[in-house]
Amino acid sequence: MNIIECTIKMKAEARAHYERLANAFDDKELKRLFTLLAAAEEEHRALLEKINDRVHPSEDDLAALEASVCVFRPTLDSANPVKTLRRDPDAYRHVIADEQETIELFDQLASQADNEKLKKLCRILANQERRHLKMVENIYAFVEDPRTYLEWGEFGNLGRL
């Protein structure tokens, strides 16, 4: 499995993880957050498919990755997310940690790459992940804005909505 296929597999697993989380909660805000995150992962996976089709990576040019590397390992326990988020209601931090780990993986692979084509591709994927991280941050801001928006300090509308 080449590095792009590995990333596509991880994005599909991340989408499935966020869909499971969206179905696990009754809370409208968390359900909306995880649904939007699942859609973002699917959009990112589709973009990676296009890159894979355009680049036509061969196994000789790109180091084959072990299947164990190509697994999405979320920091948020998907077996019992309600219990986890009861103690830590800010699911966003878990998602950000997952995205940052992926960026670090590609940066590490780029620094260890033995050929220029692989090094360049790892950097491209790391930059794609950085853009995706920005999208995740925008999704969180979109979901949180109604609760944290202060129209005018004098009126203090940050009370309970």
N, C-alpha and C. Protein backbone atom coordinates (compact mmCIF):
# COMPACT_ATOMS: atom_id res chain seq x y z
N MET A 1 0.85 -1.17 0.00
CA MET A 1 0.00 0.00 0.00
C MET A 1 0.90 1.24 0.00
N ASN A 2 0.69 2.14 -0.96
CA ASN A 2 1.51 3.34 -0.99
C ASN A 2 0.97 4.38 -0.01
N ILE A 3 1.71 5.46 0.15
CA ILE A 3 1.38 6.44 1.18
C ILE A 3 0.04 7.13 0.94
N ILE A 4 -0.31 7.36 -0.32
CA ILE A 4 -1.59 8.01 -0.60
C ILE A 4 -2.74 7.05 -0.30
N GLU A 5 -2.61 5.80 -0.71
CA GLU A 5 -3.64 4.81 -0.39
C GLU A 5 -3.79 4.65 1.11
N CYS A 6 -2.68 4.70 1.82
CA CYS A 6 -2.68 4.62 3.28
C CYS A 6 -3.49 5.78 3.87
N THR A 7 -3.25 6.97 3.36
CA THR A 7 -3.95 8.15 3.85
C THR A 7 -5.44 8.07 3.54
N ILE A 8 -5.77 7.59 2.35
CA ILE A 8 -7.18 7.43 1.97
C ILE A 8 -7.87 6.46 2.92
N LYS A 9 -7.20 5.36 3.24
CA LYS A 9 -7.76 4.38 4.17
C LYS A 9 -7.98 5.00 5.55
N MET A 10 -7.02 5.79 6.01
CA MET A 10 -7.15 6.44 7.32
C MET A 10 -8.31 7.44 7.33
N LYS A 11 -8.49 8.15 6.23
CA LYS A 11 -9.59 9.13 6.14
C LYS A 11 -10.94 8.43 6.15
N ALA A 12 -11.04 7.29 5.47
CA ALA A 12 -12.29 6.53 5.47
C ALA A 12 -12.59 6.02 6.89
N GLU A 13 -11.57 5.56 7.59
CA GLU A 13 -11.75 5.10 8.97
C GLU A 13 -12.15 6.26 9.88
N ALA A 14 -11.56 7.43 9.67
CA ALA A 14 -11.89 8.62 10.47
C ALA A 14 -13.35 9.01 10.22
N ARG A 15 -13.77 8.99 8.94
CA ARG A 15 -15.17 9.31 8.63
C ARG A 15 -16.12 8.35 9.34
N ALA A 16 -15.82 7.07 9.30
CA ALA A 16 -16.67 6.08 9.96
C ALA A 16 -16.69 6.31 11.48
N HIS A 17 -15.54 6.68 12.03
CA HIS A 17 -15.44 6.95 13.47
C HIS A 17 -16.35 8.13 13.84
N TYR A 18 -16.29 9.22 13.07
CA TYR A 18 -17.12 10.39 13.37
C TYR A 18 -18.60 10.11 13.15
N GLU A 19 -18.92 9.26 12.18
CA GLU A 19 -20.32 8.88 11.99
C GLU A 19 -20.83 8.07 13.18
N ARG A 20 -19.99 7.15 13.69
CA ARG A 20 -20.37 6.39 14.90
C ARG A 20 -20.59 7.33 16.08
N LEU A 21 -19.71 8.30 16.22
CA LEU A 21 -19.84 9.26 17.33
C LEU A 21 -21.11 10.10 17.17
N ALA A 22 -21.41 10.53 15.95
CA ALA A 22 -22.62 11.33 15.73
C ALA A 22 -23.86 10.52 16.11
N ASN A 23 -23.84 9.22 15.83
CA ASN A 23 -24.98 8.37 16.17
C ASN A 23 -25.05 8.04 17.65
N ALA A 24 -23.94 8.19 18.36
CA ALA A 24 -23.89 7.82 19.78
C ALA A 24 -24.47 8.89 20.70
N PHE A 25 -24.63 10.12 20.19
CA PHE A 25 -25.06 11.22 21.05
C PHE A 25 -26.45 11.70 20.71
N ASP A 26 -27.17 12.10 21.75
CA ASP A 26 -28.46 12.75 21.58
C ASP A 26 -28.31 14.27 21.54
N ASP A 27 -27.21 14.76 22.11
CA ASP A 27 -26.94 16.19 22.16
C ASP A 27 -26.81 16.73 20.73
N LYS A 28 -27.65 17.73 20.40
CA LYS A 28 -27.67 18.27 19.04
C LYS A 28 -26.33 18.85 18.62
N GLU A 29 -25.66 19.53 19.54
CA GLU A 29 -24.40 20.18 19.20
C GLU A 29 -23.32 19.15 18.86
N LEU A 30 -23.19 18.11 19.68
CA LEU A 30 -22.18 17.08 19.40
C LEU A 30 -22.53 16.30 18.15
N LYS A 31 -23.80 16.00 17.97
CA LYS A 31 -24.23 15.29 16.76
C LYS A 31 -23.89 16.11 15.51
N ARG A 32 -24.15 17.40 15.58
CA ARG A 32 -23.85 18.29 14.45
C ARG A 32 -22.34 18.37 14.21
N LEU A 33 -21.57 18.51 15.29
CA LEU A 33 -20.12 18.59 15.17
C LEU A 33 -19.56 17.34 14.49
N PHE A 34 -19.95 16.17 14.97
CA PHE A 34 -19.40 14.93 14.42
C PHE A 34 -19.91 14.65 13.01
N THR A 35 -21.12 15.07 12.69
CA THR A 35 -21.64 14.92 11.33
C THR A 35 -20.84 15.79 10.36
N LEU A 36 -20.55 17.02 10.77
CA LEU A 36 -19.75 17.92 9.92
C LEU A 36 -18.33 17.40 9.77
N LEU A 37 -17.78 16.85 10.85
CA LEU A 37 -16.42 16.29 10.77
C LEU A 37 -16.37 15.08 9.84
N ALA A 38 -17.40 14.24 9.89
CA ALA A 38 -17.46 13.09 8.99
C ALA A 38 -17.52 13.55 7.53
N ALA A 39 -18.30 14.59 7.28
CA ALA A 39 -18.40 15.13 5.91
C ALA A 39 -17.06 15.71 5.47
N ALA A 40 -16.36 16.37 6.37
CA ALA A 40 -15.05 16.94 6.04
C ALA A 40 -14.04 15.84 5.72
N GLU A 41 -14.09 14.75 6.47
CA GLU A 41 -13.18 13.63 6.21
C GLU A 41 -13.48 13.01 4.84
N GLU A 42 -14.76 12.90 4.51
CA GLU A 42 -15.13 12.33 3.21
C GLU A 42 -14.66 13.24 2.07
N GLU A 43 -14.80 14.54 2.26
CA GLU A 43 -14.35 15.50 1.25
C GLU A 43 -12.82 15.40 1.08
N HIS A 44 -12.12 15.26 2.19
CA HIS A 44 -10.66 15.14 2.15
C HIS A 44 -10.25 13.82 1.47
N ARG A 45 -10.98 12.74 1.77
CA ARG A 45 -10.69 11.46 1.15
C ARG A 45 -10.88 11.54 -0.37
N ALA A 46 -11.94 12.19 -0.81
CA ALA A 46 -12.21 12.34 -2.25
C ALA A 46 -11.09 13.14 -2.92
N LEU A 47 -10.60 14.18 -2.25
CA LEU A 47 -9.48 14.96 -2.79
C LEU A 47 -8.23 14.10 -2.91
N LEU A 48 -7.97 13.27 -1.92
CA LEU A 48 -6.81 12.37 -1.97
C LEU A 48 -6.94 11.35 -3.09
N GLU A 49 -8.15 10.89 -3.35
CA GLU A 49 -8.39 9.97 -4.48
C GLU A 49 -7.99 10.64 -5.79
N LYS A 50 -8.35 11.92 -5.94
CA LYS A 50 -7.99 12.65 -7.15
C LYS A 50 -6.47 12.78 -7.27
N ILE A 51 -5.82 13.08 -6.15
CA ILE A 51 -4.36 13.20 -6.15
C ILE A 51 -3.74 11.86 -6.54
N ASN A 52 -4.25 10.78 -5.98
CA ASN A 52 -3.73 9.43 -6.26
C ASN A 52 -3.88 9.11 -7.75
N ASP A 53 -5.01 9.48 -8.34
CA ASP A 53 -5.24 9.24 -9.76
C ASP A 53 -4.29 10.07 -10.63
N ARG A 54 -4.01 11.29 -10.19
CA ARG A 54 -3.14 12.19 -10.97
C ARG A 54 -1.68 11.80 -10.86
N VAL A 55 -1.25 11.39 -9.66
CA VAL A 55 0.16 11.10 -9.41
C VAL A 55 0.55 9.72 -9.96
N HIS A 56 -0.38 8.78 -9.96
CA HIS A 56 -0.11 7.40 -10.37
C HIS A 56 1.13 6.84 -9.65
N PRO A 57 1.10 6.80 -8.34
CA PRO A 57 2.28 6.33 -7.62
C PRO A 57 2.52 4.85 -7.84
N SER A 58 3.76 4.50 -8.00
CA SER A 58 4.11 3.09 -8.12
C SER A 58 4.81 2.67 -6.84
N GLU A 59 4.77 1.39 -6.58
CA GLU A 59 5.39 0.89 -5.35
C GLU A 59 6.90 1.09 -5.35
N ASP A 60 7.54 1.17 -6.53
CA ASP A 60 9.00 1.35 -6.55
C ASP A 60 9.36 2.78 -6.14
N ASP A 61 8.55 3.75 -6.62
CA ASP A 61 8.85 5.14 -6.30
C ASP A 61 8.51 5.49 -4.85
N LEU A 62 7.43 4.94 -4.37
CA LEU A 62 6.96 5.28 -3.03
C LEU A 62 7.08 4.07 -2.13
N ALA A 63 7.72 4.26 -1.03
CA ALA A 63 7.92 3.15 -0.10
C ALA A 63 6.58 2.57 0.30
N ALA A 64 6.50 1.28 0.26
CA ALA A 64 5.28 0.60 0.71
C ALA A 64 5.20 0.71 2.22
N LEU A 65 4.02 1.01 2.70
CA LEU A 65 3.83 1.15 4.14
C LEU A 65 3.18 -0.10 4.70
N GLU A 66 3.56 -0.45 5.90
CA GLU A 66 2.94 -1.58 6.56
C GLU A 66 1.50 -1.23 6.90
N ALA A 67 0.66 -2.22 6.91
CA ALA A 67 -0.75 -2.00 7.20
C ALA A 67 -0.95 -1.42 8.60
N SER A 68 -0.06 -1.74 9.53
CA SER A 68 -0.20 -1.25 10.90
C SER A 68 -0.03 0.27 10.98
N VAL A 69 0.69 0.85 10.04
CA VAL A 69 0.87 2.30 10.02
C VAL A 69 -0.40 2.98 9.52
N CYS A 70 -1.13 2.29 8.67
CA CYS A 70 -2.29 2.86 7.98
C CYS A 70 -3.59 2.62 8.74
N VAL A 71 -3.57 2.91 10.01
CA VAL A 71 -4.77 2.72 10.83
C VAL A 71 -5.05 4.02 11.56
N PHE A 72 -6.30 4.47 11.50
CA PHE A 72 -6.72 5.66 12.23
C PHE A 72 -6.86 5.28 13.70
N ARG A 73 -6.12 5.95 14.55
CA ARG A 73 -6.15 5.68 15.99
C ARG A 73 -6.65 6.92 16.72
N PRO A 74 -7.96 7.04 16.90
CA PRO A 74 -8.50 8.24 17.52
C PRO A 74 -8.14 8.35 19.00
N THR A 75 -7.97 9.58 19.46
CA THR A 75 -7.71 9.79 20.89
C THR A 75 -9.00 9.69 21.69
N LEU A 76 -10.12 9.88 21.04
CA LEU A 76 -11.42 9.78 21.70
C LEU A 76 -11.89 8.34 21.64
N ASP A 77 -12.17 7.76 22.78
CA ASP A 77 -12.59 6.37 22.88
C ASP A 77 -13.93 6.19 22.18
N SER A 78 -13.92 5.49 21.05
CA SER A 78 -15.17 5.30 20.32
C SER A 78 -16.01 4.17 20.91
N ALA A 79 -15.44 3.37 21.80
CA ALA A 79 -16.21 2.30 22.44
C ALA A 79 -17.22 2.88 23.43
N ASN A 80 -16.81 3.94 24.14
CA ASN A 80 -17.71 4.55 25.10
C ASN A 80 -17.54 6.07 25.09
N PRO A 81 -17.92 6.73 23.99
CA PRO A 81 -17.67 8.17 23.87
C PRO A 81 -18.50 9.01 24.84
N VAL A 82 -19.70 8.56 25.18
CA VAL A 82 -20.54 9.33 26.08
C VAL A 82 -19.87 9.46 27.44
N LYS A 83 -19.32 8.35 27.91
CA LYS A 83 -18.61 8.37 29.20
C LYS A 83 -17.37 9.26 29.13
N THR A 84 -16.63 9.16 28.04
CA THR A 84 -15.41 9.95 27.89
C THR A 84 -15.73 11.44 27.86
N LEU A 85 -16.74 11.82 27.09
CA LEU A 85 -17.07 13.24 26.97
C LEU A 85 -17.84 13.78 28.16
N ARG A 86 -18.36 12.92 29.00
CA ARG A 86 -18.99 13.38 30.24
C ARG A 86 -17.91 13.97 31.14
N ARG A 87 -16.73 13.34 31.15
CA ARG A 87 -15.61 13.84 31.95
C ARG A 87 -14.90 15.00 31.24
N ASP A 88 -14.95 15.01 29.92
CA ASP A 88 -14.24 16.02 29.12
C ASP A 88 -15.14 16.42 27.96
N PRO A 89 -15.99 17.44 28.16
CA PRO A 89 -17.00 17.77 27.16
C PRO A 89 -16.48 18.42 25.89
N ASP A 90 -15.20 18.74 25.82
CA ASP A 90 -14.68 19.42 24.64
C ASP A 90 -14.10 18.42 23.64
N ALA A 91 -14.97 17.85 22.84
CA ALA A 91 -14.57 16.83 21.85
C ALA A 91 -13.58 17.39 20.85
N TYR A 92 -13.64 18.67 20.63
CA TYR A 92 -12.79 19.34 19.66
C TYR A 92 -11.31 19.07 19.91
N ARG A 93 -10.89 19.11 21.16
CA ARG A 93 -9.47 18.90 21.48
C ARG A 93 -9.00 17.51 21.03
N HIS A 94 -9.86 16.52 21.14
CA HIS A 94 -9.51 15.17 20.70
C HIS A 94 -9.32 15.12 19.19
N VAL A 95 -10.20 15.79 18.48
CA VAL A 95 -10.14 15.82 17.02
C VAL A 95 -8.86 16.54 16.56
N ILE A 96 -8.57 17.65 17.20
CA ILE A 96 -7.35 18.42 16.86
C ILE A 96 -6.11 17.56 17.11
N ALA A 97 -6.09 16.86 18.22
CA ALA A 97 -4.94 15.99 18.54
C ALA A 97 -4.76 14.93 17.46
N ASP A 98 -5.87 14.34 16.99
CA ASP A 98 -5.79 13.34 15.92
C ASP A 98 -5.20 13.94 14.64
N GLU A 99 -5.66 15.13 14.29
CA GLU A 99 -5.17 15.79 13.07
C GLU A 99 -3.69 16.15 13.20
N GLN A 100 -3.29 16.63 14.36
CA GLN A 100 -1.89 17.00 14.56
C GLN A 100 -0.97 15.78 14.51
N GLU A 101 -1.44 14.65 15.01
CA GLU A 101 -0.65 13.42 14.92
C GLU A 101 -0.43 13.00 13.47
N THR A 102 -1.44 13.18 12.66
CA THR A 102 -1.32 12.83 11.24
C THR A 102 -0.31 13.75 10.55
N ILE A 103 -0.36 15.04 10.87
CA ILE A 103 0.61 15.98 10.31
C ILE A 103 2.02 15.58 10.71
N GLU A 104 2.20 15.26 11.99
CA GLU A 104 3.52 14.84 12.48
C GLU A 104 4.00 13.57 11.80
N LEU A 105 3.08 12.64 11.52
CA LEU A 105 3.44 11.41 10.81
C LEU A 105 4.03 11.73 9.44
N PHE A 106 3.35 12.60 8.68
CA PHE A 106 3.84 12.94 7.35
C PHE A 106 5.14 13.73 7.40
N ASP A 107 5.27 14.61 8.37
CA ASP A 107 6.53 15.35 8.53
C ASP A 107 7.67 14.39 8.84
N GLN A 108 7.39 13.42 9.69
CA GLN A 108 8.42 12.43 10.05
C GLN A 108 8.77 11.55 8.84
N LEU A 109 7.76 11.12 8.10
CA LEU A 109 8.02 10.32 6.90
C LEU A 109 8.83 11.12 5.88
N ALA A 110 8.53 12.41 5.75
CA ALA A 110 9.28 13.26 4.81
C ALA A 110 10.74 13.37 5.22
N SER A 111 10.98 13.50 6.51
CA SER A 111 12.37 13.63 6.97
C SER A 111 13.15 12.32 6.84
N GLN A 112 12.44 11.19 6.84
CA GLN A 112 13.10 9.89 6.75
C GLN A 112 13.13 9.34 5.32
N ALA A 113 12.47 10.01 4.41
CA ALA A 113 12.38 9.50 3.03
C ALA A 113 13.76 9.47 2.38
N ASP A 114 13.97 8.41 1.61
CA ASP A 114 15.27 8.26 0.96
C ASP A 114 15.27 8.75 -0.49
N ASN A 115 14.11 9.02 -1.06
CA ASN A 115 14.11 9.58 -2.42
C ASN A 115 13.29 10.87 -2.45
N GLU A 116 13.61 11.72 -3.39
CA GLU A 116 13.01 13.05 -3.46
C GLU A 116 11.51 13.00 -3.77
N LYS A 117 11.09 12.05 -4.59
CA LYS A 117 9.68 11.96 -4.95
C LYS A 117 8.83 11.66 -3.71
N LEU A 118 9.28 10.72 -2.90
CA LEU A 118 8.56 10.38 -1.67
C LEU A 118 8.59 11.55 -0.70
N LYS A 119 9.73 12.19 -0.57
CA LYS A 119 9.87 13.34 0.34
C LYS A 119 8.89 14.44 -0.05
N LYS A 120 8.82 14.73 -1.36
CA LYS A 120 7.93 15.78 -1.85
C LYS A 120 6.47 15.40 -1.61
N LEU A 121 6.12 14.16 -1.85
CA LEU A 121 4.76 13.71 -1.65
C LEU A 121 4.37 13.77 -0.17
N CYS A 122 5.27 13.39 0.72
CA CYS A 122 4.99 13.48 2.16
C CYS A 122 4.75 14.93 2.58
N ARG A 123 5.53 15.83 2.02
CA ARG A 123 5.33 17.26 2.33
C ARG A 123 3.98 17.75 1.80
N ILE A 124 3.61 17.31 0.60
CA ILE A 124 2.31 17.68 0.03
C ILE A 124 1.19 17.17 0.93
N LEU A 125 1.31 15.92 1.37
CA LEU A 125 0.28 15.34 2.24
C LEU A 125 0.24 16.05 3.59
N ALA A 126 1.38 16.43 4.13
CA ALA A 126 1.42 17.17 5.39
C ALA A 126 0.72 18.52 5.22
N ASN A 127 0.96 19.18 4.09
CA ASN A 127 0.29 20.46 3.84
C ASN A 127 -1.21 20.29 3.65
N GLN A 128 -1.60 19.19 2.98
CA GLN A 128 -3.03 18.88 2.85
C GLN A 128 -3.66 18.72 4.23
N GLU A 129 -2.95 18.03 5.12
CA GLU A 129 -3.46 17.82 6.48
C GLU A 129 -3.55 19.15 7.24
N ARG A 130 -2.61 20.03 7.00
CA ARG A 130 -2.67 21.35 7.66
C ARG A 130 -3.90 22.13 7.19
N ARG A 131 -4.19 22.06 5.89
CA ARG A 131 -5.40 22.71 5.38
C ARG A 131 -6.65 22.04 5.96
N HIS A 132 -6.60 20.72 6.07
CA HIS A 132 -7.72 20.00 6.66
C HIS A 132 -7.90 20.38 8.14
N LEU A 133 -6.80 20.55 8.86
CA LEU A 133 -6.87 20.98 10.26
C LEU A 133 -7.54 22.35 10.35
N LYS A 134 -7.21 23.24 9.44
CA LYS A 134 -7.85 24.56 9.42
C LYS A 134 -9.34 24.42 9.18
N MET A 135 -9.73 23.49 8.30
CA MET A 135 -11.15 23.25 8.05
C MET A 135 -11.84 22.75 9.32
N VAL A 136 -11.19 21.85 10.03
CA VAL A 136 -11.74 21.33 11.28
C VAL A 136 -11.91 22.46 12.29
N GLU A 137 -10.93 23.34 12.36
CA GLU A 137 -11.03 24.49 13.27
C GLU A 137 -12.20 25.39 12.87
N ASN A 138 -12.41 25.57 11.57
CA ASN A 138 -13.54 26.38 11.10
C ASN A 138 -14.88 25.72 11.42
N ILE A 139 -14.94 24.41 11.32
CA ILE A 139 -16.17 23.69 11.67
C ILE A 139 -16.48 23.90 13.15
N TYR A 140 -15.46 23.77 13.98
CA TYR A 140 -15.66 23.96 15.41
C TYR A 140 -16.14 25.38 15.70
N ALA A 141 -15.53 26.38 15.06
CA ALA A 141 -15.94 27.76 15.27
C ALA A 141 -17.40 27.95 14.84
N PHE A 142 -17.78 27.32 13.73
CA PHE A 142 -19.15 27.41 13.23
C PHE A 142 -20.14 26.83 14.24
N VAL A 143 -19.78 25.71 14.83
CA VAL A 143 -20.68 25.05 15.79
C VAL A 143 -20.72 25.83 17.11
N GLU A 144 -19.59 26.38 17.52
CA GLU A 144 -19.49 27.05 18.81
C GLU A 144 -19.95 28.51 18.79
N ASP A 145 -19.91 29.17 17.65
CA ASP A 145 -20.22 30.61 17.59
C ASP A 145 -21.55 30.99 18.24
N PRO A 146 -22.62 30.26 18.02
CA PRO A 146 -23.87 30.67 18.66
C PRO A 146 -23.78 30.71 20.19
N ARG A 147 -22.91 29.90 20.78
CA ARG A 147 -22.79 29.89 22.24
C ARG A 147 -21.78 30.90 22.76
N THR A 148 -20.82 31.28 21.94
CA THR A 148 -19.73 32.12 22.44
C THR A 148 -19.69 33.50 21.81
N TYR A 149 -20.62 33.82 20.96
CA TYR A 149 -20.61 35.11 20.27
C TYR A 149 -21.06 36.20 21.22
N LEU A 150 -20.28 37.24 21.33
CA LEU A 150 -20.62 38.39 22.17
C LEU A 150 -20.88 39.57 21.24
N GLU A 151 -22.15 39.93 21.12
CA GLU A 151 -22.50 40.99 20.18
C GLU A 151 -21.99 42.34 20.67
N TRP A 152 -22.18 42.61 21.94
CA TRP A 152 -21.77 43.89 22.49
C TRP A 152 -21.49 43.68 23.96
N GLY A 153 -20.30 44.03 24.40
CA GLY A 153 -19.89 43.79 25.78
C GLY A 153 -20.82 44.38 26.81
N GLU A 154 -21.44 45.49 26.50
CA GLU A 154 -22.31 46.18 27.46
C GLU A 154 -23.54 45.33 27.82
N PHE A 155 -24.01 44.55 26.85
CA PHE A 155 -25.22 43.79 27.09
C PHE A 155 -24.96 42.39 27.64
N GLY A 156 -23.74 41.92 27.51
CA GLY A 156 -23.36 40.62 28.08
C GLY A 156 -24.27 39.48 27.72
N ASN A 157 -24.42 39.19 26.46
CA ASN A 157 -25.33 38.13 26.02
C ASN A 157 -24.70 36.74 26.11
N LEU A 158 -23.62 36.59 26.86
CA LEU A 158 -22.98 35.28 26.98
C LEU A 158 -23.59 34.45 28.10
N GLY A 159 -24.70 34.89 28.61
CA GLY A 159 -25.39 34.10 29.62
C GLY A 159 -25.96 32.85 28.99
N ARG A 160 -26.66 32.11 29.75
CA ARG A 160 -27.25 30.86 29.28
C ARG A 160 -28.20 31.12 28.13
N LEU A 161 -28.03 30.40 27.02
CA LEU A 161 -28.92 30.56 25.86
C LEU A 161 -30.12 29.67 25.98
